[in-house]
Amino acid sequence: MKYNVVSSVEFTYPDIWDYPSSAQVIDTFAARGSYATYQILLGDRASADVSVSFGELPAGVAPEVYTLTPVQVERNHGIAPEQRQPHYPERVAPYWLYDCLRTFDGTLDLTDGAGGLYVSLKVDRDAEPGDYTTVMTVDGTEIPLNLKIYRAVLPDETMKMIVGYNAGTCAKYHGVALYSDEYFALEEQYLAMLRRMHQNMMYTGGIKKTLVGENKWEFDFTDFVAQVKRYEKAGMKYFNAPSVGWRQSWSASTILVNGNIPSMSYEGYCYLTQYLPALRDVLKENGWLDRFVMGVADEPNAANCTEFRALCGLIRKIVPEIRLIDAMSYGNLHGALDIWVPLNAEYDRHRAELESLRAAGDEIWHYVCCGPREPGYINRFMDYPLLSTRYLHWGNYKYDLTGFLHWAANCYQPGQDPFVQNCPEHHNTDSVCYLPAGDTHVIYPGRGEPWMSIRLEAERESAEEYELLRELAKTDKAKADELCENVFQSFKDVEYDVAKFTANKKALLEALS
């Protein structure tokens, strides 16, 4: 049988066989409480049917097997041929990429006789540390499997992570009625995948608002409360209340509240002084006030920054108990927010100014979206190295950024088939653009269930490495800083050598063991 073992640190493709980490023996490792992962490529296949089994595994280790499913990167949107640099893009489109991890059902997804598997060995927190030797058998061929379980234990989560889950696209792409029993069963599976990635914060909605008289409003929080309770049951700990406002236009100064009311108008004032106290009271009644933050108007810019700051001041006057957060680029916004979420490139360019906000008592996260899309800066795009996704939370450690935000876990655009189209058209107020490959999702709408991506797994690993670095820093900060610096110098300067990254990860686990 023709096979090739490849590290889960790098992307694989149905038309490429050899990789920097290629091997004939499985060498994998993990901290306790985490996963040991790898890929196996299979070639010269006449049949998609495949049998998989494992020799004796240590107590507390459970295998999960997924089928590598190719998806198309149709173009390198935003990168002109003359702009190309090493890793920018990692590969010139169009091509097919093993990003989707389909639930294994005994079959491969073959392309010209080539297919593959992704294997995740779940290691319990109380598993016995040590070096173990066994086999993984594929179609009767025994592949040697060496598993090292480090004494290090994955720490509890401290970083906040929010990635946008879209209920409407979940229902639409699975062909179920929104908020039906079938939908809720799917929602549980999506939330479980997000929790696997260590997401612990959710956007919320479902608040019904009714105009009952001149500038008189009534609010129904029934669906909102039910939603938050479902998210709590799934393990989510923190929540983002619906954004108060939205830009009228990318070029306008006006911010609208409740969809069509100018925020600085008398009508806007009447609405806010009724809605915001009602929201605060619901949060207090349910014991949620200290676990909620609230957006004001996403990604304020030079056109609306003055009104944005005024609106933040008005909100603080009405409900000072609720902390304010927004994704933003650096600009004339000082004093507006409690939690600043700059693009990683904006943090890199304006670190001194942003750190002055932290010195005044504010909190700093970072985010990525369709940008940055320029040489060097890391993002979770499909046409960047997989290590680009993996380094996102090394940046959280490097700069002590306490949270991360991305707008899309499953936000497929109208008409988009994420298995074949990954640079879809995107509408945002009066702006129309095309998105770089992979920006819309890290979860695929599978057959009757969600299928995660290898980028979701890379971000899970990254979140865990953030916590491991923080844990080591408690007793040896110099060593933790050194290990971070070995591979991550800044958001635009990271190490893409797979062997060097892997050796450094092992050194981190050794230091904690």
Protein backbone atom coordinates (compact mmCIF):
# COMPACT_ATOMS: atom_id res chain seq x y z
CA MET A 1 0.00 0.00 0.00
CA LYS A 2 1.31 3.43 -0.93
CA TYR A 3 1.09 5.81 2.00
CA ASN A 4 2.75 8.93 3.36
CA VAL A 5 2.58 10.25 6.93
CA VAL A 6 2.47 14.07 7.04
CA SER A 7 2.48 16.41 10.03
CA SER A 8 -0.78 18.20 10.87
CA VAL A 9 1.27 21.41 10.93
CA GLU A 10 1.12 21.76 7.14
CA PHE A 11 -1.58 21.79 4.50
CA THR A 12 -1.83 18.78 2.19
CA TYR A 13 -3.22 18.58 -1.35
CA PRO A 14 -4.67 15.78 -3.50
CA ASP A 15 -2.12 16.44 -6.28
CA ILE A 16 1.03 16.70 -4.11
CA TRP A 17 2.66 13.65 -2.55
CA ASP A 18 5.90 14.79 -0.90
CA TYR A 19 6.09 17.28 1.98
CA PRO A 20 8.82 18.56 4.31
CA SER A 21 7.45 16.35 7.11
CA SER A 22 6.88 13.22 4.96
CA ALA A 23 7.60 9.95 6.77
CA GLN A 24 6.76 6.26 6.78
CA VAL A 25 6.40 6.13 10.56
CA ILE A 26 3.86 8.01 12.68
CA ASP A 27 5.64 10.08 15.32
CA THR A 28 3.14 12.15 17.27
CA PHE A 29 2.92 13.72 20.70
CA ALA A 30 0.68 15.73 22.99
CA ALA A 31 0.25 17.27 26.39
CA ARG A 32 -2.29 15.57 28.59
CA GLY A 33 -5.73 17.03 28.02
CA SER A 34 -4.95 17.73 24.36
CA TYR A 35 -4.75 15.79 21.07
CA ALA A 36 -1.92 14.10 19.17
CA THR A 37 -2.63 14.60 15.46
CA TYR A 38 -1.28 13.64 12.05
CA GLN A 39 -2.31 13.06 8.44
CA ILE A 40 -1.92 9.95 6.28
CA LEU A 41 -2.03 10.31 2.52
CA LEU A 42 -2.96 7.22 0.51
CA GLY A 43 -2.08 6.79 -3.16
CA ASP A 44 -2.74 4.56 -6.17
CA ARG A 45 -6.20 3.66 -4.87
CA ALA A 46 -8.62 1.72 -6.98
CA SER A 47 -11.36 1.88 -4.34
CA ALA A 48 -12.58 4.58 -1.96
CA ASP A 49 -13.33 1.94 0.67
CA VAL A 50 -10.71 1.74 3.40
CA SER A 51 -10.38 -0.11 6.71
CA VAL A 52 -8.71 1.49 9.71
CA SER A 53 -7.83 0.03 13.10
CA PHE A 54 -5.34 0.64 15.89
CA GLY A 55 -3.14 -1.58 17.98
CA GLU A 56 -3.24 -1.29 21.73
CA LEU A 57 -3.33 2.36 22.77
CA PRO A 58 -2.48 3.62 26.26
CA ALA A 59 -5.28 3.96 28.78
CA GLY A 60 -6.94 7.34 28.40
CA VAL A 61 -6.18 7.68 24.67
CA ALA A 62 -9.05 7.52 22.18
CA PRO A 63 -8.66 7.74 18.39
CA GLU A 64 -10.77 9.96 16.15
CA VAL A 65 -10.50 9.46 12.36
CA TYR A 66 -11.61 11.91 9.67
CA THR A 67 -11.54 11.76 5.89
CA LEU A 68 -9.53 14.51 4.19
CA THR A 69 -11.99 16.17 1.82
CA PRO A 70 -10.65 18.47 -0.90
CA VAL A 71 -12.12 21.93 -1.37
CA GLN A 72 -11.29 24.37 -4.14
CA VAL A 73 -9.26 27.55 -3.82
CA GLU A 74 -10.38 29.13 -7.05
CA ARG A 75 -8.09 32.18 -6.97
CA ASN A 76 -5.63 34.10 -4.82
CA HIS A 77 -7.95 37.05 -4.42
CA GLY A 78 -6.15 40.27 -3.55
CA ILE A 79 -2.69 39.10 -4.65
CA ALA A 80 -1.62 40.26 -8.08
CA PRO A 81 1.06 38.17 -9.84
CA GLU A 82 3.64 40.93 -9.44
CA GLN A 83 2.97 41.05 -5.65
CA ARG A 84 3.76 37.39 -4.98
CA GLN A 85 6.40 36.61 -2.35
CA PRO A 86 7.36 33.44 -0.47
CA HIS A 87 4.23 32.10 1.30
CA TYR A 88 2.20 34.94 -0.24
CA PRO A 89 0.49 32.97 -1.57
CA GLU A 90 1.66 29.54 -0.45
CA ARG A 91 0.37 28.16 -3.74
CA VAL A 92 -0.89 29.79 -6.93
CA ALA A 93 -4.61 29.10 -7.54
CA PRO A 94 -6.67 27.41 -8.78
CA TYR A 95 -6.05 24.20 -6.86
CA TRP A 96 -7.71 21.77 -4.47
CA LEU A 97 -6.79 21.69 -0.80
CA TYR A 98 -7.44 19.20 2.02
CA ASP A 99 -9.06 21.67 4.43
CA CYS A 100 -12.33 19.88 5.24
CA LEU A 101 -12.25 17.02 7.75
CA ARG A 102 -15.25 14.80 7.00
CA THR A 103 -16.51 12.38 9.62
CA PHE A 104 -14.95 9.03 8.70
CA ASP A 105 -17.44 6.46 7.40
CA GLY A 106 -15.05 3.86 5.97
CA THR A 107 -14.50 5.75 2.72
CA LEU A 108 -11.99 8.17 1.22
CA ASP A 109 -12.64 11.12 -1.06
CA LEU A 110 -10.46 10.15 -4.02
CA THR A 111 -8.87 12.42 -6.62
CA ASP A 112 -7.09 10.44 -9.36
CA GLY A 113 -6.60 7.56 -6.91
CA ALA A 114 -5.34 9.79 -4.07
CA GLY A 115 -7.03 10.35 -0.72
CA GLY A 116 -6.19 10.77 2.90
CA LEU A 117 -7.06 10.63 6.59
CA TYR A 118 -6.68 13.00 9.52
CA VAL A 119 -6.18 11.27 12.85
CA SER A 120 -6.64 12.84 16.25
CA LEU A 121 -5.69 10.87 19.36
CA LYS A 122 -7.52 12.39 22.32
CA VAL A 123 -5.35 12.19 25.45
CA ASP A 124 -7.10 12.39 28.81
CA ARG A 125 -5.77 14.71 31.48
CA ASP A 126 -4.98 11.75 33.75
CA ALA A 127 -3.29 9.58 31.08
CA GLU A 128 0.05 8.14 32.14
CA PRO A 129 2.98 10.08 30.64
CA GLY A 130 5.47 8.08 28.61
CA ASP A 131 6.64 6.87 25.21
CA TYR A 132 4.35 4.31 23.61
CA THR A 133 4.77 2.16 20.51
CA THR A 134 1.88 0.56 18.66
CA VAL A 135 0.52 0.42 15.10
CA MET A 136 -2.22 1.92 12.98
CA THR A 137 -3.46 -0.58 10.43
CA VAL A 138 -4.82 0.70 7.11
CA ASP A 139 -6.16 -1.90 4.69
CA GLY A 140 -4.03 -4.56 6.35
CA THR A 141 -0.79 -2.53 6.26
CA GLU A 142 0.64 -1.88 9.70
CA ILE A 143 2.06 1.63 10.06
CA PRO A 144 4.34 2.03 13.10
CA LEU A 145 2.88 4.54 15.55
CA ASN A 146 5.04 6.21 18.20
CA LEU A 147 3.12 8.32 20.69
CA LYS A 148 4.74 10.49 23.35
CA ILE A 149 2.50 11.72 26.15
CA TYR A 150 4.15 14.55 28.03
CA ARG A 151 3.68 15.05 31.73
CA ALA A 152 2.51 18.60 30.98
CA VAL A 153 -1.25 19.10 31.38
CA LEU A 154 -3.20 21.55 29.25
CA PRO A 155 -4.13 24.49 31.52
CA ASP A 156 -7.62 25.90 31.86
CA GLU A 157 -8.65 28.56 29.35
CA THR A 158 -7.81 32.17 30.12
CA MET A 159 -7.99 33.75 26.67
CA LYS A 160 -11.38 34.93 25.42
CA MET A 161 -12.25 33.90 21.84
CA ILE A 162 -15.26 34.86 19.77
CA VAL A 163 -15.80 33.67 16.19
CA GLY A 164 -19.11 34.48 14.54
CA TYR A 165 -21.62 31.61 14.36
CA ASN A 166 -24.53 32.17 11.96
CA ALA A 167 -27.78 30.36 12.82
CA GLY A 168 -29.40 31.29 9.53
CA THR A 169 -26.71 29.74 7.34
CA CYS A 170 -26.68 26.64 9.54
CA ALA A 171 -30.40 26.16 8.93
CA LYS A 172 -30.24 27.07 5.24
CA TYR A 173 -27.29 24.88 4.28
CA HIS A 174 -28.65 21.88 6.16
CA GLY A 175 -32.18 22.34 4.82
CA VAL A 176 -33.91 22.57 8.20
CA ALA A 177 -36.33 25.12 9.63
CA LEU A 178 -34.65 27.72 11.81
CA TYR A 179 -35.17 26.98 15.53
CA SER A 180 -36.80 23.63 14.83
CA ASP A 181 -35.78 20.53 16.77
CA GLU A 182 -33.60 19.55 13.79
CA TYR A 183 -31.91 22.94 13.90
CA PHE A 184 -31.21 22.77 17.64
CA ALA A 185 -29.60 19.34 17.22
CA LEU A 186 -27.29 20.82 14.57
CA GLU A 187 -26.57 23.90 16.69
CA GLU A 188 -25.31 21.66 19.49
CA GLN A 189 -22.83 20.05 17.08
CA TYR A 190 -21.61 23.40 15.76
CA LEU A 191 -21.14 24.75 19.27
CA ALA A 192 -19.24 21.60 20.28
CA MET A 193 -16.81 22.21 17.41
CA LEU A 194 -16.34 25.82 18.49
CA ARG A 195 -15.70 24.70 22.06
CA ARG A 196 -13.15 22.18 20.77
CA MET A 197 -11.35 25.20 19.27
CA HIS A 198 -11.53 26.80 22.75
CA GLN A 199 -14.07 29.41 21.72
CA ASN A 200 -15.75 30.52 24.94
CA MET A 201 -17.66 33.64 23.86
CA MET A 202 -20.70 34.07 21.58
CA TYR A 203 -22.49 36.85 19.76
CA THR A 204 -26.11 37.02 20.89
CA GLY A 205 -29.39 38.26 19.42
CA GLY A 206 -33.09 37.53 19.33
CA ILE A 207 -34.31 40.70 21.08
CA LYS A 208 -37.70 41.80 19.72
CA LYS A 209 -38.36 45.55 19.69
CA THR A 210 -41.81 47.07 19.13
CA LEU A 211 -42.71 50.75 18.70
CA VAL A 212 -45.93 51.15 20.71
CA GLY A 213 -46.32 54.95 20.67
CA GLU A 214 -44.46 58.10 19.80
CA ASN A 215 -40.89 57.32 20.87
CA LYS A 216 -42.25 54.59 23.14
CA TRP A 217 -40.77 51.09 22.88
CA GLU A 218 -41.40 47.64 24.29
CA PHE A 219 -38.85 44.85 24.32
CA ASP A 220 -39.20 41.06 24.42
CA PHE A 221 -36.08 39.23 25.61
CA THR A 222 -37.60 35.72 25.63
CA ASP A 223 -35.65 34.37 22.65
CA PHE A 224 -32.49 36.18 23.75
CA VAL A 225 -32.57 34.56 27.20
CA ALA A 226 -33.26 31.12 25.70
CA GLN A 227 -30.35 31.52 23.29
CA VAL A 228 -27.87 32.49 26.00
CA LYS A 229 -28.98 29.54 28.11
CA ARG A 230 -28.38 27.16 25.17
CA TYR A 231 -24.93 28.64 24.70
CA GLU A 232 -24.21 28.27 28.43
CA LYS A 233 -25.26 24.63 28.28
CA ALA A 234 -22.78 24.12 25.43
CA GLY A 235 -19.97 25.45 27.64
CA MET A 236 -19.78 29.09 26.56
CA LYS A 237 -18.87 31.44 29.40
CA TYR A 238 -18.90 34.93 27.90
CA PHE A 239 -21.22 36.83 25.59
CA ASN A 240 -21.36 39.83 23.28
CA ALA A 241 -24.68 41.67 23.39
CA PRO A 242 -26.09 42.84 20.04
CA SER A 243 -24.23 45.84 18.68
CA VAL A 244 -26.04 49.06 19.56
CA GLY A 245 -25.56 50.68 16.15
CA TRP A 246 -24.37 50.26 12.59
CA ARG A 247 -22.78 52.58 10.06
CA GLN A 248 -25.13 54.32 7.64
CA SER A 249 -22.37 54.17 5.02
CA TRP A 250 -18.62 53.67 5.00
CA SER A 251 -18.33 57.33 3.95
CA ALA A 252 -21.03 58.83 6.25
CA SER A 253 -20.66 60.24 9.76
CA THR A 254 -24.06 58.92 10.84
CA ILE A 255 -24.44 55.80 12.97
CA LEU A 256 -27.91 54.26 13.04
CA VAL A 257 -29.52 52.51 16.02
CA ASN A 258 -32.26 49.89 15.64
CA GLY A 259 -31.55 49.85 11.91
CA ASN A 260 -32.83 53.29 10.88
CA ILE A 261 -32.72 55.83 13.73
CA PRO A 262 -29.81 58.33 13.70
CA SER A 263 -28.03 57.78 16.98
CA MET A 264 -27.55 61.47 17.74
CA SER A 265 -31.20 62.39 17.10
CA TYR A 266 -33.81 62.93 19.81
CA GLU A 267 -35.54 59.75 18.59
CA GLY A 268 -32.25 57.91 18.98
CA TYR A 269 -31.90 59.20 22.53
CA CYS A 270 -35.44 58.07 23.40
CA TYR A 271 -34.77 54.61 21.98
CA LEU A 272 -31.44 54.18 23.77
CA THR A 273 -32.74 55.35 27.15
CA GLN A 274 -35.44 52.67 26.99
CA TYR A 275 -33.58 49.79 25.34
CA LEU A 276 -30.28 49.90 27.21
CA PRO A 277 -31.73 49.89 30.76
CA ALA A 278 -34.08 47.06 29.75
CA LEU A 279 -31.11 45.03 28.48
CA ARG A 280 -29.10 45.75 31.61
CA ASP A 281 -31.96 44.64 33.85
CA VAL A 282 -32.31 41.32 31.98
CA LEU A 283 -28.58 40.70 32.34
CA LYS A 284 -28.75 41.48 36.06
CA GLU A 285 -31.78 39.25 36.62
CA ASN A 286 -29.95 36.30 35.07
CA GLY A 287 -26.61 36.93 36.75
CA TRP A 288 -24.93 37.67 33.42
CA LEU A 289 -23.86 41.28 33.76
CA ASP A 290 -20.20 40.55 34.44
CA ARG A 291 -20.04 38.05 31.54
CA PHE A 292 -21.42 40.37 28.85
CA VAL A 293 -19.75 43.01 26.75
CA MET A 294 -21.43 45.06 24.03
CA GLY A 295 -20.45 46.33 20.61
CA VAL A 296 -21.23 49.91 19.60
CA ALA A 297 -20.79 50.14 15.81
CA ASP A 298 -18.44 47.67 14.15
CA GLU A 299 -15.16 48.93 12.67
CA PRO A 300 -15.52 52.70 13.16
CA ASN A 301 -13.53 54.77 10.69
CA ALA A 302 -12.42 58.34 10.04
CA ALA A 303 -15.85 59.25 8.63
CA ASN A 304 -17.85 58.32 11.75
CA CYS A 305 -15.28 58.37 14.56
CA THR A 306 -16.62 61.56 16.17
CA GLU A 307 -20.19 60.27 16.31
CA PHE A 308 -18.87 56.89 17.46
CA ARG A 309 -17.16 58.50 20.44
CA ALA A 310 -20.26 60.52 21.25
CA LEU A 311 -22.43 57.40 21.09
CA CYS A 312 -20.03 55.53 23.39
CA GLY A 313 -20.30 58.41 25.87
CA LEU A 314 -24.08 58.33 25.72
CA ILE A 315 -24.16 54.57 26.28
CA ARG A 316 -21.84 54.91 29.26
CA LYS A 317 -24.11 57.57 30.76
CA ILE A 318 -27.14 55.29 30.44
CA VAL A 319 -25.59 51.89 31.34
CA PRO A 320 -22.11 52.37 32.81
CA GLU A 321 -22.19 48.75 34.01
CA ILE A 322 -21.77 47.28 30.50
CA ARG A 323 -18.27 47.25 29.02
CA LEU A 324 -17.91 48.34 25.39
CA ILE A 325 -15.95 46.47 22.72
CA ASP A 326 -15.44 46.79 18.97
CA ALA A 327 -13.19 45.61 16.19
CA MET A 328 -11.36 48.63 14.86
CA SER A 329 -8.42 50.04 13.01
CA TYR A 330 -6.30 52.60 14.79
CA GLY A 331 -7.84 56.07 14.58
CA ASN A 332 -9.28 59.02 16.48
CA LEU A 333 -11.23 56.85 18.91
CA HIS A 334 -9.30 57.33 22.16
CA GLY A 335 -11.38 56.92 25.28
CA ALA A 336 -14.35 55.38 23.49
CA LEU A 337 -14.04 51.69 24.42
CA ASP A 338 -13.15 49.42 27.31
CA ILE A 339 -11.89 46.56 25.11
CA TRP A 340 -9.94 47.44 21.96
CA VAL A 341 -9.79 44.87 19.18
CA PRO A 342 -7.39 46.10 16.48
CA LEU A 343 -6.40 44.17 13.39
CA ASN A 344 -3.13 42.42 14.15
CA ALA A 345 -1.45 44.60 11.51
CA GLU A 346 -2.88 47.74 13.13
CA TYR A 347 -1.57 46.64 16.52
CA ASP A 348 1.81 46.05 14.92
CA ARG A 349 1.88 49.54 13.38
CA HIS A 350 0.44 51.43 16.36
CA ARG A 351 1.62 49.39 19.29
CA ALA A 352 2.81 52.35 21.37
CA GLU A 353 -0.46 54.25 21.04
CA LEU A 354 -2.61 51.20 21.74
CA GLU A 355 -0.52 50.24 24.73
CA SER A 356 -1.14 53.70 26.16
CA LEU A 357 -4.83 52.78 26.24
CA ARG A 358 -4.00 49.64 28.21
CA ALA A 359 -1.92 51.74 30.59
CA ALA A 360 -5.05 53.82 31.23
CA GLY A 361 -6.94 50.66 32.27
CA ASP A 362 -8.35 49.29 29.03
CA GLU A 363 -8.04 45.74 27.63
CA ILE A 364 -6.53 44.82 24.24
CA TRP A 365 -7.38 41.87 21.97
CA HIS A 366 -6.68 41.43 18.27
CA TYR A 367 -8.59 40.26 15.22
CA VAL A 368 -8.24 39.27 11.60
CA CYS A 369 -10.86 39.24 8.84
CA CYS A 370 -10.45 39.79 5.09
CA GLY A 371 -7.38 41.74 6.17
CA PRO A 372 -4.57 42.04 6.70
CA ARG A 373 -3.89 40.78 3.19
CA GLU A 374 -0.31 41.84 2.64
CA PRO A 375 3.08 40.14 2.68
CA GLY A 376 4.18 38.76 6.03
CA TYR A 377 1.12 39.33 8.17
CA ILE A 378 -0.50 36.13 9.40
CA ASN A 379 -4.15 35.26 8.78
CA ARG A 380 -6.22 32.10 8.50
CA PHE A 381 -6.54 32.09 4.70
CA MET A 382 -6.43 28.86 2.71
CA ASP A 383 -3.70 30.14 0.38
CA TYR A 384 -1.34 30.94 3.28
CA PRO A 385 0.67 28.23 5.06
CA LEU A 386 -1.33 26.39 7.71
CA LEU A 387 1.23 27.68 10.21
CA SER A 388 -0.11 31.17 9.53
CA THR A 389 -3.32 30.14 11.31
CA ARG A 390 -1.32 28.29 13.94
CA TYR A 391 0.55 31.43 15.00
CA LEU A 392 -2.51 33.61 15.65
CA HIS A 393 -2.47 33.02 19.42
CA TRP A 394 1.28 33.04 19.74
CA GLY A 395 0.67 36.74 19.07
CA ASN A 396 -1.70 36.81 22.04
CA TYR A 397 1.12 35.51 24.24
CA LYS A 398 3.85 37.71 22.74
CA TYR A 399 1.93 40.93 23.35
CA ASP A 400 -0.30 39.89 26.28
CA LEU A 401 -3.45 40.33 24.21
CA THR A 402 -6.25 38.76 26.22
CA GLY A 403 -8.76 37.94 23.49
CA PHE A 404 -9.29 37.18 19.80
CA LEU A 405 -12.13 37.91 17.39
CA HIS A 406 -13.08 36.77 13.90
CA TRP A 407 -16.39 37.48 12.23
CA ALA A 408 -17.00 34.08 10.64
CA ALA A 409 -17.21 30.47 11.74
CA ASN A 410 -19.86 29.49 9.17
CA CYS A 411 -20.81 32.75 7.45
CA TYR A 412 -21.06 31.46 3.87
CA GLN A 413 -22.19 34.21 1.53
CA PRO A 414 -25.38 34.07 -0.60
CA GLY A 415 -25.00 31.40 -3.26
CA GLN A 416 -21.62 30.22 -1.99
CA ASP A 417 -20.78 26.52 -2.03
CA PRO A 418 -17.80 26.40 0.36
CA PHE A 419 -16.63 23.09 -1.10
CA VAL A 420 -15.93 24.68 -4.48
CA GLN A 421 -16.08 28.46 -3.97
CA ASN A 422 -14.04 30.18 -1.29
CA CYS A 423 -13.60 33.74 -2.59
CA PRO A 424 -17.26 34.82 -2.60
CA GLU A 425 -18.76 38.24 -3.15
CA HIS A 426 -19.42 40.04 0.13
CA HIS A 427 -21.77 42.98 0.81
CA ASN A 428 -21.30 45.24 3.85
CA THR A 429 -23.57 48.31 3.91
CA ASP A 430 -22.58 50.12 0.68
CA SER A 431 -19.35 48.20 0.17
CA VAL A 432 -19.02 45.23 -2.18
CA CYS A 433 -15.86 43.14 -2.29
CA TYR A 434 -14.57 39.61 -2.77
CA LEU A 435 -13.15 37.76 0.22
CA PRO A 436 -9.85 35.86 0.34
CA ALA A 437 -10.16 32.08 0.45
CA GLY A 438 -11.37 30.74 3.78
CA ASP A 439 -12.40 34.04 5.36
CA THR A 440 -16.04 32.98 5.58
CA HIS A 441 -15.68 29.79 7.59
CA VAL A 442 -13.71 27.22 9.56
CA ILE A 443 -16.67 24.79 9.63
CA TYR A 444 -18.26 23.14 6.59
CA PRO A 445 -21.95 22.23 6.18
CA GLY A 446 -21.57 18.46 5.92
CA ARG A 447 -24.15 15.83 5.18
CA GLY A 448 -26.55 16.09 8.11
CA GLU A 449 -23.82 17.43 10.39
CA PRO A 450 -21.03 20.02 10.50
CA TRP A 451 -17.52 19.07 9.40
CA MET A 452 -14.59 20.91 10.90
CA SER A 453 -11.59 22.20 8.98
CA ILE A 454 -7.92 21.59 9.56
CA ARG A 455 -7.69 25.35 10.10
CA LEU A 456 -10.08 25.01 13.04
CA GLU A 457 -7.73 22.36 14.42
CA ALA A 458 -4.74 24.65 13.86
CA GLU A 459 -6.47 27.41 15.78
CA ARG A 460 -7.29 24.97 18.57
CA GLU A 461 -3.61 24.05 18.80
CA SER A 462 -2.70 27.73 18.77
CA ALA A 463 -5.08 28.53 21.63
CA GLU A 464 -3.61 25.65 23.61
CA GLU A 465 -0.05 26.82 22.93
CA TYR A 466 -1.01 30.25 24.25
CA GLU A 467 -2.12 28.68 27.53
CA LEU A 468 0.99 26.47 27.70
CA LEU A 469 3.28 29.47 27.20
CA ARG A 470 1.41 31.38 29.91
CA GLU A 471 1.69 28.43 32.25
CA LEU A 472 5.44 28.17 31.69
CA ALA A 473 5.80 31.92 32.19
CA LYS A 474 4.48 31.57 35.74
CA THR A 475 7.70 29.80 36.76
CA ASP A 476 10.15 30.66 33.97
CA LYS A 477 9.08 33.67 31.93
CA ALA A 478 12.46 34.00 30.27
CA LYS A 479 12.16 30.45 28.90
CA ALA A 480 8.58 31.01 27.72
CA ASP A 481 9.59 34.24 26.00
CA GLU A 482 12.56 32.51 24.37
CA LEU A 483 10.40 29.69 23.02
CA CYS A 484 7.93 32.19 21.62
CA GLU A 485 10.69 34.28 20.07
CA ASN A 486 12.20 31.20 18.42
CA VAL A 487 9.27 31.03 16.00
CA PHE A 488 7.22 34.20 16.44
CA GLN A 489 8.94 37.56 16.31
CA SER A 490 5.90 39.63 15.29
CA PHE A 491 2.60 39.35 13.45
CA LYS A 492 4.56 39.76 10.22
CA ASP A 493 7.65 37.71 11.06
CA VAL A 494 7.11 34.03 11.86
CA GLU A 495 9.00 30.77 11.24
CA TYR A 496 7.49 28.63 8.49
CA ASP A 497 9.96 25.74 8.72
CA VAL A 498 7.78 22.83 9.87
CA ALA A 499 10.66 20.95 11.53
CA LYS A 500 11.77 24.01 13.50
CA PHE A 501 8.24 24.72 14.67
CA THR A 502 7.71 21.10 15.73
CA ALA A 503 11.00 20.98 17.63
CA ASN A 504 10.08 24.20 19.39
CA LYS A 505 6.65 22.84 20.38
CA LYS A 506 8.33 19.75 21.84
CA ALA A 507 10.73 21.99 23.76
CA LEU A 508 7.74 23.85 25.21
CA LEU A 509 6.17 20.60 26.40
CA GLU A 510 9.51 19.39 27.78
CA ALA A 511 9.91 22.61 29.74
CA LEU A 512 6.47 22.10 31.27
CA SER A 513 7.12 18.43 32.04
